[in-house]
C-alpha atoms as a PDB file:
ATOM      1  CA  MET A   1      86.407   0.835 -39.677  1.00  0.00           C
ATOM      2  CA  PRO A   2      88.792   1.467 -36.860  1.00  0.00           C
ATOM      3  CA  GLY A   3      88.545   4.361 -34.259  1.00  0.00           C
ATOM      4  CA  THR A   4      84.934   5.399 -35.095  1.00  0.00           C
ATOM      5  CA  GLU A   5      83.549   3.192 -31.883  1.00  0.00           C
ATOM      6  CA  MET A   6      86.157   5.506 -29.771  1.00  0.00           C
ATOM      7  CA  VAL A   7      84.234   7.124 -26.844  1.00  0.00           C
ATOM      8  CA  HIS A   8      86.058   9.215 -24.683  1.00  0.00           C
ATOM      9  CA  LYS A   9      85.521   8.548 -20.856  1.00  0.00           C
ATOM     10  CA  ASN A  10      85.674  12.404 -20.078  1.00  0.00           C
ATOM     11  CA  PRO A  11      83.839  14.715 -22.498  1.00  0.00           C
ATOM     12  CA  ILE A  12      86.081  16.688 -25.014  1.00  0.00           C
ATOM     13  CA  LYS A  13      85.289  20.537 -25.484  1.00  0.00           C
ATOM     14  CA  LEU A  14      85.951  20.968 -29.454  1.00  0.00           C
ATOM     15  CA  LEU A  15      85.644  24.181 -31.319  1.00  0.00           C
ATOM     16  CA  LEU A  16      84.408  23.203 -34.762  1.00  0.00           C
ATOM     17  CA  VAL A  17      84.958  25.842 -37.588  1.00  0.00           C
ATOM     18  CA  ASP A  18      83.703  25.218 -40.864  1.00  0.00           C
ATOM     19  CA  ASP A  19      81.926  27.456 -43.426  1.00  0.00           C
ATOM     20  CA  GLU A  20      79.510  24.510 -44.728  1.00  0.00           C
ATOM     21  CA  PRO A  21      76.801  24.514 -42.136  1.00  0.00           C
ATOM     22  CA  GLY A  22      75.649  20.779 -43.583  1.00  0.00           C
ATOM     23  CA  TYR A  23      79.092  19.440 -42.720  1.00  0.00           C
ATOM     24  CA  LEU A  24      79.349  21.237 -39.344  1.00  0.00           C
ATOM     25  CA  SER A  25      75.992  19.834 -38.381  1.00  0.00           C
ATOM     26  CA  VAL A  26      76.766  16.239 -39.186  1.00  0.00           C
ATOM     27  CA  LEU A  27      80.212  16.446 -37.767  1.00  0.00           C
ATOM     28  CA  ALA A  28      78.922  18.118 -34.361  1.00  0.00           C
ATOM     29  CA  LYS A  29      76.069  15.173 -34.144  1.00  0.00           C
ATOM     30  CA  ARG A  30      78.354  12.193 -34.717  1.00  0.00           C
ATOM     31  CA  MET A  31      80.928  13.514 -32.346  1.00  0.00           C
ATOM     32  CA  ALA A  32      78.362  13.670 -29.629  1.00  0.00           C
ATOM     33  CA  LYS A  33      77.985  10.350 -29.797  1.00  0.00           C
ATOM     34  CA  ARG A  34      81.731   9.579 -28.835  1.00  0.00           C
ATOM     35  CA  ASN A  35      81.281  11.971 -25.945  1.00  0.00           C
ATOM     36  CA  ILE A  36      82.827  15.061 -27.908  1.00  0.00           C
ATOM     37  CA  VAL A  37      80.930  18.315 -27.196  1.00  0.00           C
ATOM     38  CA  ALA A  38      81.211  20.117 -30.422  1.00  0.00           C
ATOM     39  CA  VAL A  39      80.496  24.000 -30.067  1.00  0.00           C
ATOM     40  CA  THR A  40      80.319  24.951 -34.043  1.00  0.00           C
ATOM     41  CA  ALA A  41      81.269  28.286 -35.918  1.00  0.00           C
ATOM     42  CA  SER A  42      80.405  28.915 -39.342  1.00  0.00           C
ATOM     43  CA  ASN A  43      83.572  31.724 -40.095  1.00  0.00           C
ATOM     44  CA  GLY A  44      86.861  32.667 -38.549  1.00  0.00           C
ATOM     45  CA  ASN A  45      85.496  36.095 -36.789  1.00  0.00           C
ATOM     46  CA  GLU A  46      82.450  33.798 -35.021  1.00  0.00           C
ATOM     47  CA  ALA A  47      85.341  31.383 -33.825  1.00  0.00           C
ATOM     48  CA  ILE A  48      87.782  33.906 -32.600  1.00  0.00           C
ATOM     49  CA  GLN A  49      85.031  35.380 -30.902  1.00  0.00           C
ATOM     50  CA  THR A  50      83.742  31.896 -29.441  1.00  0.00           C
ATOM     51  CA  LEU A  51      87.263  31.073 -28.269  1.00  0.00           C
ATOM     52  CA  ARG A  52      87.264  34.397 -26.351  1.00  0.00           C
ATOM     53  CA  ILE A  53      84.404  33.182 -23.905  1.00  0.00           C
ATOM     54  CA  ILE A  54      84.642  29.538 -23.895  1.00  0.00           C
ATOM     55  CA  ARG A  55      88.038  27.513 -23.068  1.00  0.00           C
ATOM     56  CA  PHE A  56      88.545  24.456 -25.481  1.00  0.00           C
ATOM     57  CA  ASP A  57      90.525  21.097 -25.389  1.00  0.00           C
ATOM     58  CA  CYS A  58      90.858  21.116 -28.753  1.00  0.00           C
ATOM     59  CA  ALA A  59      89.850  23.133 -32.440  1.00  0.00           C
ATOM     60  CA  VAL A  60      89.210  21.550 -35.803  1.00  0.00           C
ATOM     61  CA  LEU A  61      89.662  24.544 -38.294  1.00  0.00           C
ATOM     62  CA  ASP A  62      88.945  24.324 -42.094  1.00  0.00           C
ATOM     63  CA  LEU A  63      91.680  26.384 -43.963  1.00  0.00           C
ATOM     64  CA  LYS A  64      89.380  27.805 -46.783  1.00  0.00           C
ATOM     65  CA  MET A  65      86.711  29.942 -45.373  1.00  0.00           C
ATOM     66  CA  GLU A  66      85.164  33.237 -47.035  1.00  0.00           C
ATOM     67  CA  ASP A  67      85.838  35.729 -44.372  1.00  0.00           C
ATOM     68  CA  MET A  68      89.442  34.715 -43.081  1.00  0.00           C
ATOM     69  CA  ASP A  69      92.436  32.615 -44.219  1.00  0.00           C
ATOM     70  CA  GLY A  70      92.336  29.530 -41.981  1.00  0.00           C
ATOM     71  CA  ILE A  71      96.157  30.318 -41.423  1.00  0.00           C
ATOM     72  CA  GLU A  72      95.394  33.388 -40.094  1.00  0.00           C
ATOM     73  CA  VAL A  73      92.693  32.211 -37.886  1.00  0.00           C
ATOM     74  CA  LEU A  74      95.343  29.226 -36.632  1.00  0.00           C
ATOM     75  CA  LYS A  75      97.794  32.352 -35.825  1.00  0.00           C
ATOM     76  CA  ILE A  76      95.422  34.344 -33.785  1.00  0.00           C
ATOM     77  CA  PHE A  77      93.993  31.005 -31.941  1.00  0.00           C
ATOM     78  CA  LYS A  78      97.738  30.287 -31.089  1.00  0.00           C
ATOM     79  CA  LYS A  79      98.093  33.570 -29.451  1.00  0.00           C
ATOM     80  CA  MET A  80      94.893  33.655 -27.565  1.00  0.00           C
ATOM     81  CA  ASP A  81      95.614  29.865 -26.185  1.00  0.00           C
ATOM     82  CA  PRO A  82      99.145  28.562 -27.243  1.00  0.00           C
ATOM     83  CA  THR A  83      98.241  25.329 -25.702  1.00  0.00           C
ATOM     84  CA  MET A  84      95.153  24.399 -27.430  1.00  0.00           C
ATOM     85  CA  PRO A  85      95.855  21.734 -30.280  1.00  0.00           C
ATOM     86  CA  VAL A  86      94.288  22.913 -33.773  1.00  0.00           C
ATOM     87  CA  ILE A  87      93.559  20.332 -36.015  1.00  0.00           C
ATOM     88  CA  MET A  88      93.399  21.800 -39.859  1.00  0.00           C
ATOM     89  CA  LEU A  89      90.810  20.652 -42.346  1.00  0.00           C
ATOM     90  CA  THR A  90      91.717  21.223 -45.952  1.00  0.00           C
ATOM     91  CA  GLY A  91      89.964  20.621 -49.360  1.00  0.00           C
ATOM     92  CA  HIS A  92      90.677  21.522 -52.873  1.00  0.00           C
ATOM     93  CA  GLY A  93      93.846  19.899 -52.698  1.00  0.00           C
ATOM     94  CA  SER A  94      95.514  22.561 -50.707  1.00  0.00           C
ATOM     95  CA  GLU A  95      98.009  20.344 -48.844  1.00  0.00           C
ATOM     96  CA  THR A  96     100.929  23.041 -49.031  1.00  0.00           C
ATOM     97  CA  ALA A  97      98.736  25.334 -46.980  1.00  0.00           C
ATOM     98  CA  ALA A  98      97.896  22.781 -44.524  1.00  0.00           C
ATOM     99  CA  ARG A  99     101.731  21.945 -43.886  1.00  0.00           C
ATOM    100  CA  GLU A 100     102.444  25.731 -43.759  1.00  0.00           C
ATOM    101  CA  GLY A 101      99.812  25.312 -40.970  1.00  0.00           C
ATOM    102  CA  ILE A 102     102.078  23.024 -39.171  1.00  0.00           C
ATOM    103  CA  LYS A 103     104.762  25.296 -39.147  1.00  0.00           C
ATOM    104  CA  PHE A 104     102.379  27.823 -37.133  1.00  0.00           C
ATOM    105  CA  GLY A 105     101.837  25.302 -34.649  1.00  0.00           C
ATOM    106  CA  ALA A 106      98.828  23.245 -35.724  1.00  0.00           C
ATOM    107  CA  PHE A 107      98.798  19.768 -34.389  1.00  0.00           C
ATOM    108  CA  ASP A 108      97.833  17.715 -37.504  1.00  0.00           C
ATOM    109  CA  TYR A 109      95.566  18.174 -40.776  1.00  0.00           C
ATOM    110  CA  LEU A 110      93.165  16.096 -42.921  1.00  0.00           C
ATOM    111  CA  THR A 111      91.970  16.420 -46.364  1.00  0.00           C
ATOM    112  CA  LYS A 112      88.373  16.975 -46.716  1.00  0.00           C
ATOM    113  CA  PRO A 113      86.543  14.744 -46.985  1.00  0.00           C
ATOM    114  CA  CYS A 114      87.833  13.127 -44.112  1.00  0.00           C
ATOM    115  CA  ASP A 115      87.046   9.867 -42.441  1.00  0.00           C
ATOM    116  CA  LEU A 116      85.167  10.572 -39.227  1.00  0.00           C
ATOM    117  CA  GLY A 117      87.252   7.770 -37.665  1.00  0.00           C
ATOM    118  CA  ASP A 118      90.414   9.541 -38.527  1.00  0.00           C
ATOM    119  CA  LEU A 119      89.332  12.754 -37.353  1.00  0.00           C
ATOM    120  CA  ILE A 120      88.108  11.434 -33.964  1.00  0.00           C
ATOM    121  CA  GLN A 121      91.618   9.351 -33.690  1.00  0.00           C
ATOM    122  CA  ILE A 122      93.544  12.799 -34.068  1.00  0.00           C
ATOM    123  CA  VAL A 123      91.512  14.807 -31.705  1.00  0.00           C
ATOM    124  CA  CYS A 124      92.190  12.031 -29.310  1.00  0.00           C
ATOM    125  CA  GLU A 125      95.962  12.190 -29.637  1.00  0.00           C
ATOM    126  CA  ALA A 126      95.745  15.837 -29.695  1.00  0.00           C
ATOM    127  CA  CYS A 127      93.888  16.110 -26.399  1.00  0.00           C
ATOM    128  CA  LYS A 128      95.653  13.020 -24.795  1.00  0.00           C
ATOM    129  CA  TRP A 129      92.458  11.671 -23.841  1.00  0.00           C
ATOM    130  CA  GLU A 130      91.943   8.125 -22.812  1.00  0.00           C
ATOM    131  CA  THR A 131      89.348   6.019 -24.855  1.00  0.00           C
ATOM    132  CA  SER A 132      87.010   3.061 -23.273  1.00  0.00           C
END
């Protein structure tokens, strides 16, 4: 499958936000194999607190979370770090909300469950990283 073997020459520091712990764990482990260092947050508030402490190259943000709406988290991210690309993940057929996120500055979106190769390719494009 195209893109799944891409490995970044320089590490990418990624903030990965989703309220499904198993999904977070799998994504983080698989991304680490491609030199993408993922710091995980399980909700919007945790993600915001993490972004206050660490500078990230990119964020992947789930739109549907228990504590905060993903669009609200996106708006806060963009105020905190306007240059950080944010990629949204949407499930439940909520592509309308994802398109709304693009209006608020999101780089792109994918529908869950997404292909890991597609996600890595979008992260690479967002960070303008070269791959080997």
